[in-house]
PDB file of N, CA and C in Angstrom:
ATOM      1  N   UNK A   1     -27.724 122.564 -49.821  1.00  0.00           N
ATOM      2  CA  UNK A   1     -28.262 123.631 -50.759  1.00  0.00           C
ATOM      3  C   UNK A   1     -29.022 124.525 -49.898  1.00  0.00           C
ATOM      4  N   UNK A   2     -28.948 125.833 -50.186  1.00  0.00           N
ATOM      5  CA  UNK A   2     -29.717 126.939 -49.597  1.00  0.00           C
ATOM      6  C   UNK A   2     -31.132 126.643 -49.852  1.00  0.00           C
ATOM      7  N   UNK A   3     -31.927 126.504 -48.811  1.00  0.00           N
ATOM      8  CA  UNK A   3     -33.349 126.263 -48.838  1.00  0.00           C
ATOM      9  C   UNK A   3     -34.127 127.594 -49.438  1.00  0.00           C
ATOM     10  N   UNK A   4     -33.434 128.655 -49.317  1.00  0.00           N
ATOM     11  CA  UNK A   4     -34.172 129.838 -49.816  1.00  0.00           C
ATOM     12  C   UNK A   4     -34.351 129.844 -51.314  1.00  0.00           C
ATOM     13  N   UNK A   5     -33.442 128.936 -52.029  1.00  0.00           N
ATOM     14  CA  UNK A   5     -33.427 128.761 -53.509  1.00  0.00           C
ATOM     15  C   UNK A   5     -34.691 127.703 -53.814  1.00  0.00           C
ATOM     16  N   UNK A   6     -35.744 128.511 -54.217  1.00  0.00           N
ATOM     17  CA  UNK A   6     -36.898 127.498 -54.490  1.00  0.00           C
ATOM     18  C   UNK A   6     -37.711 128.033 -55.800  1.00  0.00           C
ATOM     19  N   UNK A   7     -38.231 126.776 -56.433  1.00  0.00           N
ATOM     20  CA  UNK A   7     -38.771 127.194 -57.516  1.00  0.00           C
ATOM     21  C   UNK A   7     -40.189 127.777 -57.509  1.00  0.00           C
ATOM     22  N   UNK A   8     -40.580 128.473 -58.510  1.00  0.00           N
ATOM     23  CA  UNK A   8     -41.908 129.119 -58.447  1.00  0.00           C
ATOM     24  C   UNK A   8     -42.751 128.696 -59.481  1.00  0.00           C
ATOM     25  N   UNK A   9     -41.939 128.486 -60.844  1.00  0.00           N
ATOM     26  CA  UNK A   9     -42.860 128.001 -61.980  1.00  0.00           C
ATOM     27  C   UNK A   9     -41.790 127.254 -62.886  1.00  0.00           C
ATOM     28  N   UNK A  10     -42.512 126.588 -63.845  1.00  0.00           N
ATOM     29  CA  UNK A  10     -41.805 125.614 -64.792  1.00  0.00           C
ATOM     30  C   UNK A  10     -42.322 125.893 -66.122  1.00  0.00           C
ATOM     31  N   UNK A  11     -41.485 126.366 -67.229  1.00  0.00           N
ATOM     32  CA  UNK A  11     -41.977 126.219 -68.495  1.00  0.00           C
ATOM     33  C   UNK A  11     -40.900 125.464 -69.390  1.00  0.00           C
ATOM     34  N   UNK A  12     -41.201 125.246 -70.709  1.00  0.00           N
ATOM     35  CA  UNK A  12     -40.246 124.712 -71.406  1.00  0.00           C
ATOM     36  C   UNK A  12     -40.502 125.242 -72.924  1.00  0.00           C
ATOM     37  N   UNK A  13     -39.565 124.878 -73.730  1.00  0.00           N
ATOM     38  CA  UNK A  13     -39.755 125.166 -75.105  1.00  0.00           C
ATOM     39  C   UNK A  13     -39.152 123.769 -75.783  1.00  0.00           C
ATOM     40  N   UNK A  14     -38.846 123.796 -77.227  1.00  0.00           N
ATOM     41  CA  UNK A  14     -38.266 122.831 -77.692  1.00  0.00           C
ATOM     42  C   UNK A  14     -36.970 122.504 -77.372  1.00  0.00           C
ATOM     43  N   UNK A  15     -36.166 123.402 -76.864  1.00  0.00           N
ATOM     44  CA  UNK A  15     -34.823 123.153 -76.566  1.00  0.00           C
ATOM     45  C   UNK A  15     -34.306 123.379 -74.816  1.00  0.00           C
ATOM     46  N   UNK A  16     -35.186 124.009 -74.196  1.00  0.00           N
ATOM     47  CA  UNK A  16     -34.798 124.211 -72.803  1.00  0.00           C
ATOM     48  C   UNK A  16     -36.013 124.147 -71.846  1.00  0.00           C
ATOM     49  N   UNK A  17     -35.600 123.688 -70.611  1.00  0.00           N
ATOM     50  CA  UNK A  17     -36.402 123.517 -69.588  1.00  0.00           C
ATOM     51  C   UNK A  17     -36.071 124.836 -68.596  1.00  0.00           C
ATOM     52  N   UNK A  18     -37.079 125.798 -68.400  1.00  0.00           N
ATOM     53  CA  UNK A  18     -36.958 126.900 -67.657  1.00  0.00           C
ATOM     54  C   UNK A  18     -37.490 126.958 -66.234  1.00  0.00           C
ATOM     55  N   UNK A  19     -36.942 127.205 -65.203  1.00  0.00           N
ATOM     56  CA  UNK A  19     -37.457 127.264 -63.977  1.00  0.00           C
ATOM     57  C   UNK A  19     -37.289 128.685 -63.368  1.00  0.00           C
ATOM     58  N   UNK A  20     -38.344 129.389 -63.056  1.00  0.00           N
ATOM     59  CA  UNK A  20     -38.387 130.713 -62.274  1.00  0.00           C
ATOM     60  C   UNK A  20     -38.246 130.341 -61.007  1.00  0.00           C
ATOM     61  N   UNK A  21     -37.263 131.039 -60.317  1.00  0.00           N
ATOM     62  CA  UNK A  21     -37.061 130.699 -58.808  1.00  0.00           C
ATOM     63  C   UNK A  21     -37.861 131.900 -58.064  1.00  0.00           C
ATOM     64  N   UNK A  22     -37.964 131.623 -56.713  1.00  0.00           N
ATOM     65  CA  UNK A  22     -38.929 132.545 -55.993  1.00  0.00           C
ATOM     66  C   UNK A  22     -38.154 134.066 -55.801  1.00  0.00           C
ATOM     67  N   UNK A  23     -36.794 133.867 -56.115  1.00  0.00           N
ATOM     68  CA  UNK A  23     -36.028 135.318 -55.864  1.00  0.00           C
ATOM     69  C   UNK A  23     -36.073 135.934 -57.142  1.00  0.00           C
ATOM     70  N   UNK A  24     -36.774 135.585 -58.231  1.00  0.00           N
ATOM     71  CA  UNK A  24     -36.855 136.285 -59.634  1.00  0.00           C
ATOM     72  C   UNK A  24     -35.950 135.806 -60.567  1.00  0.00           C
ATOM     73  N   UNK A  25     -34.904 134.921 -60.306  1.00  0.00           N
ATOM     74  CA  UNK A  25     -33.980 134.435 -61.233  1.00  0.00           C
ATOM     75  C   UNK A  25     -34.777 133.466 -62.123  1.00  0.00           C
ATOM     76  N   UNK A  26     -34.467 133.160 -63.415  1.00  0.00           N
ATOM     77  CA  UNK A  26     -34.794 131.868 -64.200  1.00  0.00           C
ATOM     78  C   UNK A  26     -33.583 131.327 -64.713  1.00  0.00           C
ATOM     79  N   UNK A  27     -33.545 130.053 -64.382  1.00  0.00           N
ATOM     80  CA  UNK A  27     -32.438 129.082 -64.989  1.00  0.00           C
ATOM     81  C   UNK A  27     -33.086 128.278 -66.008  1.00  0.00           C
ATOM     82  N   UNK A  28     -32.187 127.892 -66.767  1.00  0.00           N
ATOM     83  CA  UNK A  28     -32.584 127.061 -68.095  1.00  0.00           C
ATOM     84  C   UNK A  28     -31.506 126.170 -68.292  1.00  0.00           C
ATOM     85  N   UNK A  29     -31.797 124.845 -68.583  1.00  0.00           N
ATOM     86  CA  UNK A  29     -30.954 123.872 -69.045  1.00  0.00           C
ATOM     87  C   UNK A  29     -31.560 123.047 -70.179  1.00  0.00           C
ATOM     88  N   UNK A  30     -30.840 122.373 -71.059  1.00  0.00           N
ATOM     89  CA  UNK A  30     -31.112 121.763 -72.227  1.00  0.00           C
ATOM     90  C   UNK A  30     -32.087 120.682 -71.890  1.00  0.00           C
ATOM     91  N   UNK A  31     -33.095 120.488 -72.597  1.00  0.00           N
ATOM     92  CA  UNK A  31     -34.067 119.455 -72.502  1.00  0.00           C
ATOM     93  C   UNK A  31     -33.456 118.205 -72.803  1.00  0.00           C
ATOM     94  N   UNK A  32     -32.426 117.996 -73.721  1.00  0.00           N
ATOM     95  CA  UNK A  32     -31.772 116.683 -73.881  1.00  0.00           C
ATOM     96  C   UNK A  32     -31.052 116.247 -72.773  1.00  0.00           C
ATOM     97  N   UNK A  33     -30.718 117.049 -71.698  1.00  0.00           N
ATOM     98  CA  UNK A  33     -30.185 116.615 -70.511  1.00  0.00           C
ATOM     99  C   UNK A  33     -31.158 115.567 -69.679  1.00  0.00           C
ATOM    100  N   UNK A  34     -32.348 115.598 -70.064  1.00  0.00           N
ATOM    101  CA  UNK A  34     -33.463 114.868 -69.331  1.00  0.00           C
ATOM    102  C   UNK A  34     -34.314 114.021 -70.391  1.00  0.00           C
ATOM    103  N   UNK A  35     -33.709 112.980 -70.773  1.00  0.00           N
ATOM    104  CA  UNK A  35     -34.564 112.087 -71.894  1.00  0.00           C
ATOM    105  C   UNK A  35     -35.958 111.856 -71.469  1.00  0.00           C
ATOM    106  N   UNK A  36     -36.257 111.615 -70.193  1.00  0.00           N
ATOM    107  CA  UNK A  36     -37.695 111.382 -69.904  1.00  0.00           C
ATOM    108  C   UNK A  36     -38.466 112.588 -70.045  1.00  0.00           C
ATOM    109  N   UNK A  37     -37.984 113.768 -69.896  1.00  0.00           N
ATOM    110  CA  UNK A  37     -38.760 114.885 -70.134  1.00  0.00           C
ATOM    111  C   UNK A  37     -38.772 115.265 -71.679  1.00  0.00           C
ATOM    112  N   UNK A  38     -37.685 115.059 -72.288  1.00  0.00           N
ATOM    113  CA  UNK A  38     -37.701 115.396 -73.742  1.00  0.00           C
ATOM    114  C   UNK A  38     -38.573 114.568 -74.574  1.00  0.00           C
ATOM    115  N   UNK A  39     -39.017 113.313 -73.996  1.00  0.00           N
ATOM    116  CA  UNK A  39     -39.762 112.528 -74.889  1.00  0.00           C
ATOM    117  C   UNK A  39     -41.338 112.438 -74.312  1.00  0.00           C
ATOM    118  N   UNK A  40     -41.499 113.347 -73.174  1.00  0.00           N
ATOM    119  CA  UNK A  40     -42.851 113.221 -72.586  1.00  0.00           C
ATOM    120  C   UNK A  40     -43.681 114.311 -73.466  1.00  0.00           C
ATOM    121  N   UNK A  41     -45.055 114.040 -73.328  1.00  0.00           N
ATOM    122  CA  UNK A  41     -46.063 114.843 -73.885  1.00  0.00           C
ATOM    123  C   UNK A  41     -46.096 116.283 -73.315  1.00  0.00           C
ATOM    124  N   UNK A  42     -46.514 117.238 -74.027  1.00  0.00           N
ATOM    125  CA  UNK A  42     -46.741 118.804 -73.237  1.00  0.00           C
ATOM    126  C   UNK A  42     -47.594 118.522 -72.212  1.00  0.00           C
ATOM    127  N   UNK A  43     -48.584 117.593 -72.228  1.00  0.00           N
ATOM    128  CA  UNK A  43     -49.633 117.619 -71.098  1.00  0.00           C
ATOM    129  C   UNK A  43     -48.809 116.994 -69.858  1.00  0.00           C
ATOM    130  N   UNK A  44     -48.091 116.004 -70.105  1.00  0.00           N
ATOM    131  CA  UNK A  44     -47.325 115.483 -68.741  1.00  0.00           C
ATOM    132  C   UNK A  44     -46.338 116.454 -68.489  1.00  0.00           C
ATOM    133  N   UNK A  45     -45.587 117.174 -69.365  1.00  0.00           N
ATOM    134  CA  UNK A  45     -44.696 118.246 -68.810  1.00  0.00           C
ATOM    135  C   UNK A  45     -45.329 119.304 -68.000  1.00  0.00           C
ATOM    136  N   UNK A  46     -46.580 119.493 -68.177  1.00  0.00           N
ATOM    137  CA  UNK A  46     -47.343 120.579 -67.538  1.00  0.00           C
ATOM    138  C   UNK A  46     -47.777 120.274 -66.165  1.00  0.00           C
ATOM    139  N   UNK A  47     -47.708 118.806 -65.961  1.00  0.00           N
ATOM    140  CA  UNK A  47     -48.137 118.391 -64.586  1.00  0.00           C
ATOM    141  C   UNK A  47     -47.095 118.114 -63.638  1.00  0.00           C
ATOM    142  N   UNK A  48     -46.504 119.188 -63.239  1.00  0.00           N
ATOM    143  CA  UNK A  48     -45.417 118.978 -62.211  1.00  0.00           C
ATOM    144  C   UNK A  48     -45.859 119.552 -61.007  1.00  0.00           C
ATOM    145  N   UNK A  49     -45.018 119.326 -59.954  1.00  0.00           N
ATOM    146  CA  UNK A  49     -45.397 120.069 -58.615  1.00  0.00           C
ATOM    147  C   UNK A  49     -43.910 120.157 -57.986  1.00  0.00           C
ATOM    148  N   UNK A  50     -43.822 121.212 -57.075  1.00  0.00           N
ATOM    149  CA  UNK A  50     -42.552 121.301 -56.426  1.00  0.00           C
ATOM    150  C   UNK A  50     -42.503 120.561 -55.073  1.00  0.00           C
ATOM    151  N   UNK A  51     -41.445 119.905 -54.783  1.00  0.00           N
ATOM    152  CA  UNK A  51     -41.350 119.091 -53.670  1.00  0.00           C
ATOM    153  C   UNK A  51     -40.043 119.558 -52.775  1.00  0.00           C
ATOM    154  N   UNK A  52     -39.983 119.031 -51.666  1.00  0.00           N
ATOM    155  CA  UNK A  52     -38.876 119.254 -50.902  1.00  0.00           C
ATOM    156  C   UNK A  52     -38.695 120.856 -50.641  1.00  0.00           C
ATOM    157  N   UNK A  53     -39.729 121.386 -50.117  1.00  0.00           N
ATOM    158  CA  UNK A  53     -39.666 122.816 -49.852  1.00  0.00           C
ATOM    159  C   UNK A  53     -39.299 123.690 -51.057  1.00  0.00           C
ATOM    160  N   UNK A  54     -39.838 123.385 -52.179  1.00  0.00           N
ATOM    161  CA  UNK A  54     -39.455 123.992 -53.464  1.00  0.00           C
ATOM    162  C   UNK A  54     -38.219 123.815 -54.056  1.00  0.00           C
ATOM    163  N   UNK A  55     -37.261 122.816 -53.520  1.00  0.00           N
ATOM    164  CA  UNK A  55     -35.993 122.703 -54.220  1.00  0.00           C
ATOM    165  C   UNK A  55     -35.978 121.504 -55.077  1.00  0.00           C
ATOM    166  N   UNK A  56     -37.038 120.772 -55.337  1.00  0.00           N
ATOM    167  CA  UNK A  56     -37.158 119.864 -56.339  1.00  0.00           C
ATOM    168  C   UNK A  56     -38.446 119.928 -57.111  1.00  0.00           C
ATOM    169  N   UNK A  57     -38.455 119.335 -58.258  1.00  0.00           N
ATOM    170  CA  UNK A  57     -39.567 119.180 -59.169  1.00  0.00           C
ATOM    171  C   UNK A  57     -39.843 117.773 -59.556  1.00  0.00           C
ATOM    172  N   UNK A  58     -41.081 117.400 -59.234  1.00  0.00           N
ATOM    173  CA  UNK A  58     -41.753 116.048 -59.606  1.00  0.00           C
ATOM    174  C   UNK A  58     -42.700 116.263 -60.693  1.00  0.00           C
ATOM    175  N   UNK A  59     -42.482 115.161 -61.534  1.00  0.00           N
ATOM    176  CA  UNK A  59     -43.465 114.796 -62.646  1.00  0.00           C
ATOM    177  C   UNK A  59     -44.053 113.473 -62.266  1.00  0.00           C
ATOM    178  N   UNK A  60     -45.207 113.300 -61.316  1.00  0.00           N
ATOM    179  CA  UNK A  60     -45.518 112.165 -60.898  1.00  0.00           C
ATOM    180  C   UNK A  60     -45.995 110.929 -61.894  1.00  0.00           C
ATOM    181  N   UNK A  61     -46.738 111.404 -63.121  1.00  0.00           N
ATOM    182  CA  UNK A  61     -47.178 110.566 -64.144  1.00  0.00           C
ATOM    183  C   UNK A  61     -45.902 110.010 -64.809  1.00  0.00           C
ATOM    184  N   UNK A  62     -44.699 110.665 -64.742  1.00  0.00           N
ATOM    185  CA  UNK A  62     -43.444 110.184 -65.571  1.00  0.00           C
ATOM    186  C   UNK A  62     -42.664 109.390 -64.546  1.00  0.00           C
ATOM    187  N   UNK A  63     -42.914 109.484 -63.225  1.00  0.00           N
ATOM    188  CA  UNK A  63     -42.098 109.005 -62.173  1.00  0.00           C
ATOM    189  C   UNK A  63     -40.551 109.649 -62.189  1.00  0.00           C
ATOM    190  N   UNK A  64     -40.493 110.926 -62.400  1.00  0.00           N
ATOM    191  CA  UNK A  64     -39.438 111.642 -62.538  1.00  0.00           C
ATOM    192  C   UNK A  64     -39.243 112.682 -61.350  1.00  0.00           C
ATOM    193  N   UNK A  65     -38.088 112.974 -61.118  1.00  0.00           N
ATOM    194  CA  UNK A  65     -37.779 114.145 -60.154  1.00  0.00           C
ATOM    195  C   UNK A  65     -36.463 114.689 -60.338  1.00  0.00           C
ATOM    196  N   UNK A  66     -36.481 116.032 -60.267  1.00  0.00           N
ATOM    197  CA  UNK A  66     -35.432 116.797 -60.718  1.00  0.00           C
ATOM    198  C   UNK A  66     -35.109 117.898 -59.511  1.00  0.00           C
ATOM    199  N   UNK A  67     -33.777 117.811 -59.271  1.00  0.00           N
ATOM    200  CA  UNK A  67     -33.318 118.707 -58.205  1.00  0.00           C
ATOM    201  C   UNK A  67     -33.024 120.155 -58.908  1.00  0.00           C
ATOM    202  N   UNK A  68     -33.525 121.166 -58.288  1.00  0.00           N
ATOM    203  CA  UNK A  68     -33.169 122.481 -58.870  1.00  0.00           C
ATOM    204  C   UNK A  68     -31.639 122.626 -58.533  1.00  0.00           C
ATOM    205  N   UNK A  69     -31.033 122.342 -57.577  1.00  0.00           N
ATOM    206  CA  UNK A  69     -29.604 122.348 -57.427  1.00  0.00           C
ATOM    207  C   UNK A  69     -28.871 121.773 -58.351  1.00  0.00           C
ATOM    208  N   UNK A  70     -29.200 120.736 -58.967  1.00  0.00           N
ATOM    209  CA  UNK A  70     -28.349 120.029 -60.048  1.00  0.00           C
ATOM    210  C   UNK A  70     -28.653 120.789 -61.290  1.00  0.00           C
ATOM    211  N   UNK A  71     -29.533 121.531 -61.455  1.00  0.00           N
ATOM    212  CA  UNK A  71     -29.769 122.482 -62.593  1.00  0.00           C
ATOM    213  C   UNK A  71     -28.732 123.571 -62.519  1.00  0.00           C
ATOM    214  N   UNK A  72     -28.722 124.126 -61.339  1.00  0.00           N
ATOM    215  CA  UNK A  72     -27.885 125.326 -60.890  1.00  0.00           C
ATOM    216  C   UNK A  72     -26.316 124.997 -61.176  1.00  0.00           C
ATOM    217  N   UNK A  73     -25.997 123.689 -60.732  1.00  0.00           N
ATOM    218  CA  UNK A  73     -24.611 123.591 -60.978  1.00  0.00           C
ATOM    219  C   UNK A  73     -24.317 122.658 -62.306  1.00  0.00           C
ATOM    220  N   UNK A  74     -25.248 122.512 -63.059  1.00  0.00           N
ATOM    221  CA  UNK A  74     -25.006 121.928 -64.373  1.00  0.00           C
ATOM    222  C   UNK A  74     -24.616 120.575 -64.443  1.00  0.00           C
ATOM    223  N   UNK A  75     -25.401 119.792 -63.483  1.00  0.00           N
ATOM    224  CA  UNK A  75     -25.197 118.325 -63.721  1.00  0.00           C
ATOM    225  C   UNK A  75     -26.175 117.606 -64.364  1.00  0.00           C
ATOM    226  N   UNK A  76     -25.752 116.951 -65.354  1.00  0.00           N
ATOM    227  CA  UNK A  76     -26.614 116.223 -66.288  1.00  0.00           C
ATOM    228  C   UNK A  76     -27.257 115.012 -65.374  1.00  0.00           C
ATOM    229  N   UNK A  77     -28.394 114.762 -65.386  1.00  0.00           N
ATOM    230  CA  UNK A  77     -28.976 113.750 -64.462  1.00  0.00           C
ATOM    231  C   UNK A  77     -28.822 112.353 -65.238  1.00  0.00           C
ATOM    232  N   UNK A  78     -28.135 111.461 -64.709  1.00  0.00           N
ATOM    233  CA  UNK A  78     -27.926 110.009 -65.629  1.00  0.00           C
ATOM    234  C   UNK A  78     -29.072 109.132 -65.511  1.00  0.00           C
ATOM    235  N   UNK A  79     -29.359 108.463 -66.444  1.00  0.00           N
ATOM    236  CA  UNK A  79     -30.355 107.436 -66.307  1.00  0.00           C
ATOM    237  C   UNK A  79     -29.720 106.015 -66.041  1.00  0.00           C
ATOM    238  N   UNK A  80     -30.222 105.425 -65.123  1.00  0.00           N
ATOM    239  CA  UNK A  80     -29.402 104.124 -64.569  1.00  0.00           C
ATOM    240  C   UNK A  80     -30.008 103.137 -65.886  1.00  0.00           C
ATOM    241  N   UNK A  81     -28.992 102.230 -66.294  1.00  0.00           N
ATOM    242  CA  UNK A  81     -29.114 101.283 -67.216  1.00  0.00           C
ATOM    243  C   UNK A  81     -29.748 100.054 -66.659  1.00  0.00           C
TER     244      UNK A  81
END
């Protein structure tokens, strides 16, 4: 992944997770792609940090990590059974 593509901020609504990139673009993916996030509290969702030079997002309290690249290419993150 091009490391110049990095996250700047994260917001969400009832349907979508939105990530503003440092280059000004905003990418959005359906919240139902991420069951851990969909079922999390608003407080927990707001407690994120960017990792890996801004190319990933971590919700430490949820033990959840999300790749911005996976959002860009439309990959639904699978939960291991």
